[in-house]
Every structure is written in C-alpha cells, then in structure tokens.
Protein backbone atom coordinates (compact mmCIF):
# COMPACT_ATOMS: atom_id res chain seq x y z
CA MET A 1 3.97 -15.88 -11.37
CA ALA A 2 4.21 -12.14 -10.87
CA ASN A 3 2.72 -9.55 -8.61
CA GLY A 4 1.42 -5.99 -9.70
CA THR A 5 2.16 -3.38 -7.23
CA LEU A 6 0.00 -0.27 -6.40
CA ARG A 7 0.96 1.94 -3.49
CA VAL A 8 -1.28 4.87 -2.58
CA LEU A 9 -0.18 7.96 -0.56
CA ASN A 10 -2.18 10.98 0.48
CA LEU A 11 -0.17 14.18 0.04
CA ARG A 12 -0.70 17.52 2.02
CA ILE A 13 0.78 20.73 0.68
CA GLN A 14 3.81 20.33 2.89
CA ASN A 15 4.71 16.96 1.46
CA VAL A 16 4.68 18.05 -2.32
CA ARG A 17 8.20 19.41 -2.11
CA SER A 18 9.75 16.15 -1.08
CA CYS A 19 7.63 14.24 -3.39
CA GLU A 20 8.84 16.32 -6.31
CA ARG A 21 12.44 16.11 -5.02
CA HIS A 22 12.29 12.24 -5.15
CA ASN A 23 10.24 11.87 -8.46
CA ARG A 24 12.43 14.32 -10.35
CA ARG A 25 15.77 13.23 -8.75
CA LEU A 26 16.36 16.70 -7.45
CA TYR A 27 19.10 15.61 -5.12
CA THR A 28 22.65 16.46 -4.82
CA PRO A 29 25.17 13.71 -5.30
CA GLU A 30 25.58 13.14 -1.64
CA GLN A 31 21.84 13.21 -1.01
CA MET A 32 21.04 10.63 -3.57
CA PRO A 33 19.24 7.60 -2.17
CA GLU A 34 21.17 4.35 -2.05
CA ASN A 35 18.64 2.40 -3.95
CA VAL A 36 19.06 4.85 -7.06
CA ILE A 37 21.34 3.45 -9.76
CA VAL A 38 22.67 6.76 -10.94
CA LYS A 39 23.98 5.71 -14.37
CA ASN A 40 20.36 4.93 -15.27
CA THR A 41 18.68 7.90 -14.07
CA LYS A 42 18.95 9.21 -17.67
CA LEU A 43 16.49 6.71 -18.89
CA ASN A 44 13.78 8.16 -16.55
CA GLN A 45 10.73 9.77 -18.08
CA GLU A 46 8.53 12.67 -16.75
CA PHE A 47 5.41 14.69 -17.60
CA ILE A 48 4.18 17.82 -15.59
CA VAL A 49 0.62 19.02 -17.12
CA ASN A 50 0.65 22.30 -19.16
CA GLU A 51 4.59 22.12 -19.31
CA LYS A 52 4.89 23.77 -15.94
CA SER A 53 8.41 23.89 -14.58
CA THR A 54 7.47 22.31 -11.27
CA ILE A 55 4.71 19.87 -9.82
CA LYS A 56 3.96 22.64 -7.30
CA GLU A 57 3.16 25.07 -10.11
CA ALA A 58 0.97 22.70 -11.77
CA LEU A 59 -0.84 21.78 -8.59
CA GLU A 60 -1.39 25.55 -7.59
CA GLU A 61 -3.08 26.11 -11.19
CA ARG A 62 -5.21 23.10 -10.81
CA LEU A 63 -6.49 24.13 -7.43
CA LYS A 64 -7.70 27.47 -8.66
CA GLY A 65 -11.40 27.71 -8.21
CA VAL A 66 -11.42 24.99 -5.73
CA THR A 67 -13.85 25.77 -2.80
CA THR A 68 -11.99 26.21 0.38
CA VAL A 69 -8.54 24.55 0.53
CA ARG A 70 -8.00 23.87 4.25
CA LYS A 71 -4.39 24.15 5.43
CA ASN A 72 -4.09 20.48 6.24
CA ALA A 73 -6.30 19.26 3.25
CA VAL A 74 -5.16 16.31 1.08
CA VAL A 75 -4.33 18.32 -2.17
CA ALA A 76 -2.75 15.25 -4.05
CA ILE A 77 -2.80 11.47 -4.26
CA GLU A 78 0.15 9.57 -5.44
CA PHE A 79 -0.11 6.25 -6.97
CA VAL A 80 3.16 4.14 -7.36
CA MET A 81 2.59 1.24 -9.66
CA GLY A 82 4.91 -1.50 -10.97
CA ALA A 83 5.42 -5.20 -10.96
CA SER A 84 7.71 -7.81 -9.59
CA ALA A 85 10.89 -8.81 -11.21
CA ASP A 86 9.18 -11.93 -12.48
CA PHE A 87 7.16 -9.89 -14.78
CA TYR A 88 10.01 -7.80 -16.19
CA GLN A 89 11.80 -10.93 -17.17
CA GLY A 90 9.10 -11.61 -19.64
CA ASP A 91 8.91 -10.28 -23.14
CA TYR A 92 6.65 -7.15 -22.46
CA SER A 93 8.20 -3.74 -22.50
CA ALA A 94 8.48 -2.12 -19.15
CA GLN A 95 7.64 1.22 -20.53
CA ALA A 96 4.63 -0.28 -22.23
CA TYR A 97 3.52 -1.71 -19.03
CA LEU A 98 3.88 1.50 -16.94
CA THR A 99 1.86 3.28 -19.73
CA LYS A 100 -0.89 0.86 -19.18
CA CYS A 101 -0.71 1.53 -15.47
CA LYS A 102 -1.01 5.29 -16.15
CA GLU A 103 -4.04 4.57 -18.32
CA PHE A 104 -5.67 2.85 -15.34
CA ILE A 105 -5.54 5.83 -13.18
CA ALA A 106 -6.77 8.14 -15.98
CA ALA A 107 -9.66 6.02 -16.60
CA ARG A 108 -10.70 5.64 -13.09
CA TYR A 109 -9.89 9.03 -11.71
CA GLY A 110 -10.10 11.33 -14.72
CA LYS A 111 -7.25 12.31 -17.04
CA GLU A 112 -7.88 15.99 -16.27
CA ASN A 113 -6.94 15.23 -12.61
CA ILE A 114 -3.34 13.92 -13.45
CA ILE A 115 -0.83 16.76 -12.83
CA SER A 116 2.31 14.77 -13.31
CA TRP A 117 3.85 11.11 -13.91
CA HIS A 118 7.41 9.82 -13.56
CA MET A 119 8.58 6.66 -14.91
CA HIS A 120 11.74 5.35 -12.93
CA PHE A 121 14.05 2.93 -14.65
CA ASP A 122 17.06 3.55 -12.09
CA GLU A 123 15.80 1.39 -9.26
CA ALA A 124 15.73 -2.37 -8.78
CA ASN A 125 12.26 -2.51 -10.56
CA PRO A 126 10.80 -0.18 -13.04
CA HIS A 127 7.70 1.85 -11.81
CA ILE A 128 5.59 4.88 -12.22
CA HIS A 129 4.65 7.67 -9.99
CA VAL A 130 1.32 9.20 -11.04
CA LEU A 131 -0.06 12.41 -9.08
CA ILE A 132 -3.61 13.24 -9.33
CA THR A 133 -5.84 15.99 -7.55
CA PRO A 134 -8.77 14.44 -5.91
CA ILE A 135 -11.13 17.08 -7.24
CA VAL A 136 -14.76 16.24 -7.66
CA GLU A 137 -17.67 18.48 -8.60
CA LYS A 138 -20.34 18.57 -5.97
CA ARG A 139 -24.07 19.67 -6.28
CA ILE A 140 -24.97 21.80 -3.43
CA GLU A 141 -28.52 22.58 -2.37
CA TRP A 142 -29.03 26.01 -0.75
CA LYS A 143 -31.71 27.71 1.10
CA ASN A 144 -31.96 31.07 2.95
CA ARG A 145 -34.43 33.80 3.54
CA TRP A 146 -34.08 35.11 0.21
CA GLY A 147 -34.85 31.95 -1.62
CA SER A 148 -33.23 28.46 -2.59
CA GLY A 149 -31.41 26.80 -5.48
CA VAL A 150 -28.66 24.56 -6.50
CA ARG A 151 -24.91 25.36 -7.37
CA LYS A 152 -22.12 23.27 -8.38
CA GLU A 153 -18.78 23.54 -6.53
CA ARG A 154 -15.25 22.09 -7.26
CA ARG A 155 -14.12 20.30 -4.12
CA LEU A 156 -11.11 18.43 -2.78
CA CYS A 157 -12.34 15.10 -1.69
CA ALA A 158 -9.66 12.44 -1.07
CA ARG A 159 -12.02 10.49 0.93
CA ASP A 160 -13.86 9.45 -2.26
CA ILE A 161 -10.77 7.73 -3.42
CA THR A 162 -8.81 6.58 -0.38
CA GLY A 163 -11.40 6.68 2.43
CA GLY A 164 -11.47 3.43 4.13
CA PRO A 165 -10.43 -0.25 3.54
CA SER A 166 -13.29 -1.07 1.23
CA LYS A 167 -12.27 1.70 -1.29
CA LEU A 168 -8.67 0.58 -1.24
CA ARG A 169 -9.62 -3.08 -1.85
CA ALA A 170 -11.79 -2.16 -4.68
CA MET A 171 -8.96 -0.02 -6.00
CA HIS A 172 -6.57 -2.92 -5.98
CA ASP A 173 -9.02 -5.46 -7.36
CA ALA A 174 -9.83 -3.21 -10.23
CA PHE A 175 -5.97 -2.65 -10.85
CA TYR A 176 -5.42 -6.56 -10.81
CA GLU A 177 -8.17 -6.99 -13.46
CA HIS A 178 -6.49 -4.29 -15.51
CA ILE A 179 -3.17 -5.87 -15.60
CA VAL A 180 -4.32 -9.60 -15.98
CA PRO A 181 -4.48 -9.14 -19.89
CA ILE A 182 -1.03 -7.61 -19.95
CA GLY A 183 0.43 -10.63 -18.18
CA ILE A 184 -1.24 -12.97 -20.69
CA LYS A 185 0.38 -11.05 -23.45
CA ALA A 186 3.69 -11.40 -21.62
CA CYS A 187 3.12 -15.06 -20.97
CA VAL A 188 3.35 -14.22 -17.32
CA LYS A 189 0.55 -15.08 -14.83
CA PHE A 190 -0.31 -12.25 -12.46
CA VAL A 191 -1.45 -13.43 -8.83
CA PRO A 192 -3.79 -11.18 -6.95
CA ARG A 193 -2.90 -8.11 -4.97
CA THR A 194 -0.35 -7.78 -2.20
CA PRO A 195 -2.52 -6.96 0.99
CA ALA A 196 -2.78 -3.03 1.29
CA GLU A 197 -0.74 -3.19 4.73
CA ASN A 198 2.03 -4.87 3.07
CA GLN A 199 2.35 -2.43 0.08
CA THR A 200 4.89 0.00 1.47
CA LYS A 201 7.07 -2.95 2.74
CA GLU A 202 6.83 -4.59 -0.68
CA TYR A 203 7.68 -1.53 -2.50
CA SER A 204 10.70 -0.85 -0.25
CA ARG A 205 11.90 -4.34 -0.59
CA ARG A 206 11.73 -4.34 -4.47
CA THR A 207 13.37 -1.03 -4.94
CA ASN A 208 16.05 -1.50 -2.46
CA HIS A 209 19.74 -1.22 -3.95
CA HIS A 210 20.57 -4.66 -2.37
CA MET A 211 17.67 -6.24 -4.36
CA ALA A 212 19.17 -4.50 -7.57
CA LYS A 213 22.49 -6.11 -6.74
CA ILE A 214 21.00 -9.64 -6.09
CA ASN A 215 19.22 -9.55 -9.32
CA GLN A 216 22.20 -8.62 -11.36
CA LEU A 217 24.30 -11.38 -9.52
CA ALA A 218 21.73 -13.91 -10.03
CA GLU A 219 21.59 -13.24 -13.80
CA ARG A 220 25.30 -13.32 -13.94
CA ALA A 221 25.24 -16.76 -12.04
CA ARG A 222 22.55 -18.07 -14.57
CA LEU A 223 24.90 -17.21 -17.42
CA GLU A 224 28.11 -18.46 -15.89
CA VAL A 225 29.54 -21.63 -17.21
CA ASP A 226 32.50 -22.14 -14.79
CA ALA A 227 31.22 -23.97 -11.46
CA ALA A 228 33.73 -22.19 -9.26
CA ALA A 229 32.86 -18.69 -10.60
CA ARG A 230 29.17 -19.61 -10.14
CA LEU A 231 29.72 -20.60 -6.57
CA GLU A 232 31.47 -17.38 -5.82
CA LEU A 233 28.51 -15.30 -7.14
CA GLN A 234 26.14 -17.48 -5.04
CA LYS A 235 28.12 -16.37 -2.03
CA GLN A 236 27.91 -12.75 -3.07
CA ILE A 237 24.19 -13.20 -3.45
CA LEU A 238 23.87 -14.62 0.20
CA LYS A 239 26.12 -11.74 1.42
CA GLU A 240 23.74 -9.10 -0.10
CA LYS A 241 20.89 -11.00 1.24
CA ALA A 242 22.08 -10.72 4.82
CA GLU A 243 22.73 -7.00 4.07
CA LEU A 244 19.07 -6.71 2.84
CA ASP A 245 17.71 -8.45 5.84
CA LYS A 246 19.65 -6.24 8.27
CA ALA A 247 18.56 -3.07 6.42
CA LEU A 248 14.88 -4.24 6.47
CA GLN A 249 15.17 -4.92 10.15
CA LEU A 250 16.58 -1.64 11.18
CA LYS A 251 13.74 -0.05 9.16
CA ASN A 252 11.03 -2.18 10.72
CA GLU A 253 12.38 -1.35 14.24
CA ALA A 254 12.43 2.48 13.27
CA GLU A 255 8.77 2.30 12.04
CA ARG A 256 7.75 0.44 15.23
CA LYS A 257 9.43 3.02 17.39
CA ALA A 258 7.76 5.96 15.55
CA ALA A 259 4.33 4.08 15.87
CA LEU A 260 5.02 3.68 19.59
CA ASN A 261 5.90 7.41 20.14
CA LYS A 262 2.84 8.44 18.12
CA GLU A 263 0.66 6.26 20.44
CA ILE A 264 2.31 7.63 23.59
CA ASN A 265 2.04 11.13 22.43
CA LYS A 266 -1.66 10.60 21.70
CA LYS A 267 -2.31 9.43 25.05
CA LEU A 268 -0.50 12.16 26.66
CA ASN A 269 -2.38 14.80 24.67
CA ARG A 270 -5.67 12.97 25.66
CA ASN A 271 -4.57 13.12 29.30
CA ASN A 272 -3.84 16.93 28.98
CA ASP A 273 -7.17 17.55 27.41
CA GLN A 274 -8.89 15.81 30.19
CA GLY A 275 -6.94 17.85 32.66
CA ARG A 276 -8.08 21.10 30.99
CA GLU A 277 -11.68 19.82 31.17
CA LEU A 278 -11.20 19.23 34.92
C-alpha cells in the first residue's frame, strides 16, 4: 500500500525568494540542505512560464492588471506532491506520476495560473513543486450618483483555494481520487490521504537524508546473500533510524517552542492593546 502526498503553502511576496532558492537549488555548496543528494541534482527538471529567468519575474508579469495587491497578500500557492516509497518501488515511472500530479493542479486551478514547476529527484522520494497564482475573475456590481453597472476585476483570492479545513479536505479527497487509477496501473494500492495536520511532518520525514540512507541500506540488505553482511547492514539501518528519530525530535521541539513564543507574543500584544484602550 502507498500514500500520495499533497502539501500546500501560502506564499507572500517576501517568501518567494526562499521558495525559488530551494526549488531551483540556488545554494552554495556550504548551504545545500542535508537531505539533498547532490549527485542527483542534475536529474531535476524545471519550468518557468514564458521562459522567464526567475520565478519572481514570472510572478510579477502574472500580477499585472490584478486589482490592489496588498503588501501582505498571498501572491502564490505552492503545492508539493509526491508519494511514499512503496509507490516508487512499483513499475510506474516517477516522472510520469509527477506529471499526473501537475495535471491535477492544472485541471483544478487553471493551467494559466501555473507560473512554475520543479521536479526533484535528488531527495529521498521524488516529488514536484507547483506554484500557482490564486487569481480569480470577480463580477463587481457598482452604483453611484452617476449611475450603476457591472465590471469584471482580476483579484488575488487564496481563500477560494486554501480558506478553511473543508476546502483543504476536498482538495485532498480529489487528489486521492486522481491518483487511485495511477496506483492500479502500477499495481500499488493507494490508501486515503495523510491528515492535513500531519502533511508537513510526513513530507519532512520522507525527504530526510536519513530516510534516503535507510532506503539504500534496506535495498542492499535485501539483495545481500551473505548473512553476516546482511546483519551488518541491518545494524546500520538501526543506527540511521536512531539519528532520524533524534533529528525529528529536535525539529518538533523547535516547532513547539516557536508556537509557544507566538502564543505568548499574541497575549502580550493583546494586553498592550487593552492598556492603550484604558
């Protein structure tokens, strides 16, 4: 059995640079994330609409004519899609699967809204990043002392896509229905979605460099004939698992600390506002 993964991130203009840096691997050797297998980076594929040299340029062109882009507006939404290792062990091409994932986004949110996509084959599991602009056309009725009428406006409206749990659940359900036929062709059964609240944790686990090492060692152990050598590989797998558990624990502790600080700051700001009112 396998899982399809779909992670969604809202991006504001200040987030685009770091997103592009990751998706296009614009790192110095010292900055390269540990989960990236550098020798495989040459296998990655990318697309930026209208052959723009950067995602930022493509985004700026797409936003021309959009009514009132606020400073803190969500200007893009990133979809990160892939599958668990169980699926990739089947006969279906990873590139073909990721192409099907991209087609899901194009059909659901409009091909014209896609500004870039990047397929990554240099992490533990292949996956694709698809960026769209959440642009919708709104019908606006207006009326003033000189008359009335209707006009159409192009607006950013991320709420129409990621606004609330019900929309996110519907998105994951639709994605699951989209990939089930692919699983049948690959002779792999897809099981329903990972809960939305676990998507980031699951994505981090599956793309972690320790998981990549574990998968490689497990494959070597499966093919190893010598019992002693197989036992040694199993010991290495347990060592990598311990390192993975430690890394995830530290990450979770950092996330809990950040959430706690955010809550404390929110309370402090609320108290300060009340003080000003008094």
